[in-house]
PDB file of N, CA and C in Angstrom:
ATOM      1  N   GLY A   1      14.013  19.015  -6.712  1.00  0.00           N
ATOM      2  CA  GLY A   1      13.104  18.143  -7.418  1.00  0.00           C
ATOM      3  C   GLY A   1      12.659  18.758  -8.727  1.00  0.00           C
ATOM      4  N   ILE A   2      11.822  18.052  -9.392  1.00  0.00           N
ATOM      5  CA  ILE A   2      11.280  18.484 -10.677  1.00  0.00           C
ATOM      6  C   ILE A   2       9.963  19.201 -10.435  1.00  0.00           C
ATOM      7  N   GLU A   3       9.792  20.328 -11.093  1.00  0.00           N
ATOM      8  CA  GLU A   3       8.557  21.095 -10.963  1.00  0.00           C
ATOM      9  C   GLU A   3       7.776  20.988 -12.268  1.00  0.00           C
ATOM     10  N   ILE A   4       6.505  20.618 -12.181  1.00  0.00           N
ATOM     11  CA  ILE A   4       5.663  20.494 -13.363  1.00  0.00           C
ATOM     12  C   ILE A   4       4.583  21.555 -13.291  1.00  0.00           C
ATOM     13  N   ASP A   5       4.488  22.358 -14.348  1.00  0.00           N
ATOM     14  CA  ASP A   5       3.517  23.446 -14.368  1.00  0.00           C
ATOM     15  C   ASP A   5       2.151  22.999 -14.872  1.00  0.00           C
ATOM     16  N   VAL A   6       2.114  22.142 -15.897  1.00  0.00           N
ATOM     17  CA  VAL A   6       0.859  21.696 -16.491  1.00  0.00           C
ATOM     18  C   VAL A   6       0.980  20.212 -16.800  1.00  0.00           C
ATOM     19  N   PHE A   7      -0.081  19.460 -16.554  1.00  0.00           N
ATOM     20  CA  PHE A   7      -0.083  18.029 -16.850  1.00  0.00           C
ATOM     21  C   PHE A   7      -1.471  17.625 -17.303  1.00  0.00           C
ATOM     22  N   SER A   8      -1.559  16.492 -17.990  1.00  0.00           N
ATOM     23  CA  SER A   8      -2.855  15.973 -18.421  1.00  0.00           C
ATOM     24  C   SER A   8      -3.479  15.165 -17.293  1.00  0.00           C
ATOM     25  N   PRO A   9      -4.753  15.383 -16.992  1.00  0.00           N
ATOM     26  CA  PRO A   9      -5.402  14.599 -15.932  1.00  0.00           C
ATOM     27  C   PRO A   9      -5.494  13.113 -16.261  1.00  0.00           C
ATOM     28  N   GLU A  10      -5.369  12.753 -17.553  1.00  0.00           N
ATOM     29  CA  GLU A  10      -5.423  11.349 -17.951  1.00  0.00           C
ATOM     30  C   GLU A  10      -4.049  10.681 -17.954  1.00  0.00           C
ATOM     31  N   SER A  11      -2.985  11.445 -17.720  1.00  0.00           N
ATOM     32  CA  SER A  11      -1.628  10.895 -17.692  1.00  0.00           C
ATOM     33  C   SER A  11      -1.420  10.089 -16.418  1.00  0.00           C
ATOM     34  N   PRO A  12      -0.377   9.251 -16.370  1.00  0.00           N
ATOM     35  CA  PRO A  12      -0.097   8.513 -15.130  1.00  0.00           C
ATOM     36  C   PRO A  12       0.048   9.445 -13.920  1.00  0.00           C
ATOM     37  N   LEU A  13       0.714  10.578 -14.111  1.00  0.00           N
ATOM     38  CA  LEU A  13       0.847  11.543 -13.013  1.00  0.00           C
ATOM     39  C   LEU A  13      -0.510  12.115 -12.636  1.00  0.00           C
ATOM     40  N   GLY A  14      -1.283  12.533 -13.624  1.00  0.00           N
ATOM     41  CA  GLY A  14      -2.602  13.102 -13.359  1.00  0.00           C
ATOM     42  C   GLY A  14      -3.506  12.145 -12.604  1.00  0.00           C
ATOM     43  N   LEU A  15      -3.495  10.885 -13.016  1.00  0.00           N
ATOM     44  CA  LEU A  15      -4.314   9.876 -12.339  1.00  0.00           C
ATOM     45  C   LEU A  15      -3.843   9.652 -10.904  1.00  0.00           C
ATOM     46  N   ALA A  16      -2.525   9.704 -10.690  1.00  0.00           N
ATOM     47  CA  ALA A  16      -1.972   9.449  -9.354  1.00  0.00           C
ATOM     48  C   ALA A  16      -2.284  10.571  -8.372  1.00  0.00           C
ATOM     49  N   ILE A  17      -2.333  11.806  -8.857  1.00  0.00           N
ATOM     50  CA  ILE A  17      -2.515  12.926  -7.928  1.00  0.00           C
ATOM     51  C   ILE A  17      -3.947  13.434  -7.852  1.00  0.00           C
ATOM     52  N   HIS A  18      -4.830  12.898  -8.671  1.00  0.00           N
ATOM     53  CA  HIS A  18      -6.230  13.342  -8.654  1.00  0.00           C
ATOM     54  C   HIS A  18      -6.815  13.212  -7.246  1.00  0.00           C
ATOM     55  N   GLY A  19      -7.354  14.287  -6.733  1.00  0.00           N
ATOM     56  CA  GLY A  19      -7.984  14.279  -5.417  1.00  0.00           C
ATOM     57  C   GLY A  19      -7.045  14.548  -4.256  1.00  0.00           C
ATOM     58  N   LEU A  20      -5.746  14.679  -4.533  1.00  0.00           N
ATOM     59  CA  LEU A  20      -4.807  14.962  -3.451  1.00  0.00           C
ATOM     60  C   LEU A  20      -4.805  16.453  -3.128  1.00  0.00           C
ATOM     61  N   ALA A  21      -4.273  16.793  -1.973  1.00  0.00           N
ATOM     62  CA  ALA A  21      -4.211  18.180  -1.521  1.00  0.00           C
ATOM     63  C   ALA A  21      -2.767  18.566  -1.239  1.00  0.00           C
ATOM     64  N   VAL A  22      -2.530  19.858  -1.097  1.00  0.00           N
ATOM     65  CA  VAL A  22      -1.195  20.356  -0.769  1.00  0.00           C
ATOM     66  C   VAL A  22      -0.685  19.635   0.473  1.00  0.00           C
ATOM     67  N   GLY A  23       0.550  19.146   0.386  1.00  0.00           N
ATOM     68  CA  GLY A  23       1.169  18.409   1.484  1.00  0.00           C
ATOM     69  C   GLY A  23       1.073  16.906   1.332  1.00  0.00           C
ATOM     70  N   ASP A  24       0.152  16.416   0.495  1.00  0.00           N
ATOM     71  CA  ASP A  24       0.013  14.971   0.277  1.00  0.00           C
ATOM     72  C   ASP A  24       1.191  14.436  -0.531  1.00  0.00           C
ATOM     73  N   GLU A  25       1.515  13.168  -0.313  1.00  0.00           N
ATOM     74  CA  GLU A  25       2.582  12.494  -1.045  1.00  0.00           C
ATOM     75  C   GLU A  25       2.067  11.181  -1.596  1.00  0.00           C
ATOM     76  N   THR A  26       2.581  10.795  -2.760  1.00  0.00           N
ATOM     77  CA  THR A  26       2.224   9.525  -3.384  1.00  0.00           C
ATOM     78  C   THR A  26       3.345   9.139  -4.336  1.00  0.00           C
ATOM     79  N   SER A  27       3.164   8.064  -5.066  1.00  0.00           N
ATOM     80  CA  SER A  27       4.109   7.680  -6.112  1.00  0.00           C
ATOM     81  C   SER A  27       3.314   7.139  -7.289  1.00  0.00           C
ATOM     82  N   TYR A  28       3.955   7.104  -8.449  1.00  0.00           N
ATOM     83  CA  TYR A  28       3.314   6.571  -9.646  1.00  0.00           C
ATOM     84  C   TYR A  28       4.373   5.981 -10.561  1.00  0.00           C
ATOM     85  N   ALA A  29       3.949   5.069 -11.425  1.00  0.00           N
ATOM     86  CA  ALA A  29       4.848   4.453 -12.398  1.00  0.00           C
ATOM     87  C   ALA A  29       4.672   5.144 -13.743  1.00  0.00           C
ATOM     88  N   ALA A  30       5.763   5.611 -14.315  1.00  0.00           N
ATOM     89  CA  ALA A  30       5.751   6.211 -15.646  1.00  0.00           C
ATOM     90  C   ALA A  30       5.587   5.102 -16.688  1.00  0.00           C
ATOM     91  N   PRO A  31       5.257   5.459 -17.926  1.00  0.00           N
ATOM     92  CA  PRO A  31       5.100   4.440 -18.969  1.00  0.00           C
ATOM     93  C   PRO A  31       6.335   3.554 -19.165  1.00  0.00           C
ATOM     94  N   ASN A  32       7.523   4.079 -18.845  1.00  0.00           N
ATOM     95  CA  ASN A  32       8.740   3.274 -18.982  1.00  0.00           C
ATOM     96  C   ASN A  32       8.986   2.365 -17.779  1.00  0.00           C
ATOM     97  N   GLY A  33       8.086   2.398 -16.796  1.00  0.00           N
ATOM     98  CA  GLY A  33       8.197   1.539 -15.623  1.00  0.00           C
ATOM     99  C   GLY A  33       8.897   2.168 -14.432  1.00  0.00           C
ATOM    100  N   LYS A  34       9.548   3.302 -14.638  1.00  0.00           N
ATOM    101  CA  LYS A  34      10.238   3.967 -13.535  1.00  0.00           C
ATOM    102  C   LYS A  34       9.215   4.545 -12.563  1.00  0.00           C
ATOM    103  N   VAL A  35       9.466   4.381 -11.262  1.00  0.00           N
ATOM    104  CA  VAL A  35       8.550   4.868 -10.231  1.00  0.00           C
ATOM    105  C   VAL A  35       9.063   6.208  -9.701  1.00  0.00           C
ATOM    106  N   PHE A  36       8.159   7.172  -9.623  1.00  0.00           N
ATOM    107  CA  PHE A  36       8.487   8.509  -9.142  1.00  0.00           C
ATOM    108  C   PHE A  36       7.702   8.813  -7.876  1.00  0.00           C
ATOM    109  N   ALA A  37       8.366   9.429  -6.902  1.00  0.00           N
ATOM    110  CA  ALA A  37       7.695   9.923  -5.698  1.00  0.00           C
ATOM    111  C   ALA A  37       7.251  11.353  -5.977  1.00  0.00           C
ATOM    112  N   VAL A  38       6.076  11.713  -5.475  1.00  0.00           N
ATOM    113  CA  VAL A  38       5.501  13.032  -5.741  1.00  0.00           C
ATOM    114  C   VAL A  38       4.994  13.632  -4.438  1.00  0.00           C
ATOM    115  N   LYS A  39       5.246  14.926  -4.249  1.00  0.00           N
ATOM    116  CA  LYS A  39       4.666  15.672  -3.136  1.00  0.00           C
ATOM    117  C   LYS A  39       3.964  16.888  -3.719  1.00  0.00           C
ATOM    118  N   ILE A  40       2.726  17.104  -3.321  1.00  0.00           N
ATOM    119  CA  ILE A  40       1.960  18.246  -3.799  1.00  0.00           C
ATOM    120  C   ILE A  40       2.374  19.467  -2.982  1.00  0.00           C
ATOM    121  N   VAL A  41       2.958  20.466  -3.650  1.00  0.00           N
ATOM    122  CA  VAL A  41       3.415  21.669  -2.949  1.00  0.00           C
ATOM    123  C   VAL A  41       2.566  22.892  -3.275  1.00  0.00           C
ATOM    124  N   ASN A  42       1.813  22.848  -4.383  1.00  0.00           N
ATOM    125  CA  ASN A  42       0.965  23.971  -4.773  1.00  0.00           C
ATOM    126  C   ASN A  42      -0.052  23.464  -5.784  1.00  0.00           C
ATOM    127  N   VAL A  43      -1.236  24.048  -5.775  1.00  0.00           N
ATOM    128  CA  VAL A  43      -2.277  23.684  -6.734  1.00  0.00           C
ATOM    129  C   VAL A  43      -2.896  24.958  -7.278  1.00  0.00           C
ATOM    130  N   GLU A  44      -2.936  25.077  -8.610  1.00  0.00           N
ATOM    131  CA  GLU A  44      -3.566  26.220  -9.260  1.00  0.00           C
ATOM    132  C   GLU A  44      -4.320  25.726 -10.482  1.00  0.00           C
ATOM    133  N   THR A  45      -5.443  26.345 -10.790  1.00  0.00           N
ATOM    134  CA  THR A  45      -6.193  26.022 -11.992  1.00  0.00           C
ATOM    135  C   THR A  45      -5.500  26.635 -13.198  1.00  0.00           C
ATOM    136  N   PHE A  46      -5.312  25.819 -14.256  1.00  0.00           N
ATOM    137  CA  PHE A  46      -4.689  26.303 -15.486  1.00  0.00           C
ATOM    138  C   PHE A  46      -5.696  27.126 -16.276  1.00  0.00           C
ATOM    139  N   ILE A  47      -5.296  28.314 -16.665  1.00  0.00           N
ATOM    140  CA  ILE A  47      -6.138  29.169 -17.498  1.00  0.00           C
ATOM    141  C   ILE A  47      -5.331  29.498 -18.747  1.00  0.00           C
ATOM    142  N   GLY A  48      -5.827  29.059 -19.893  1.00  0.00           N
ATOM    143  CA  GLY A  48      -5.067  29.370 -21.095  1.00  0.00           C
ATOM    144  C   GLY A  48      -5.436  28.626 -22.286  1.00  0.00           C
TER     145      GLY A  48
END
């Protein structure tokens, strides 16, 4: 799968995963209309 290191909380992905925990699964529609399935495998606070 695709691994994302940093994302915007206001993005479609950020909005879809807000409040989820490791192991949770969901899906979201990208701006182009394509639907992606997502599984949370790790959560870390971005420092930088």
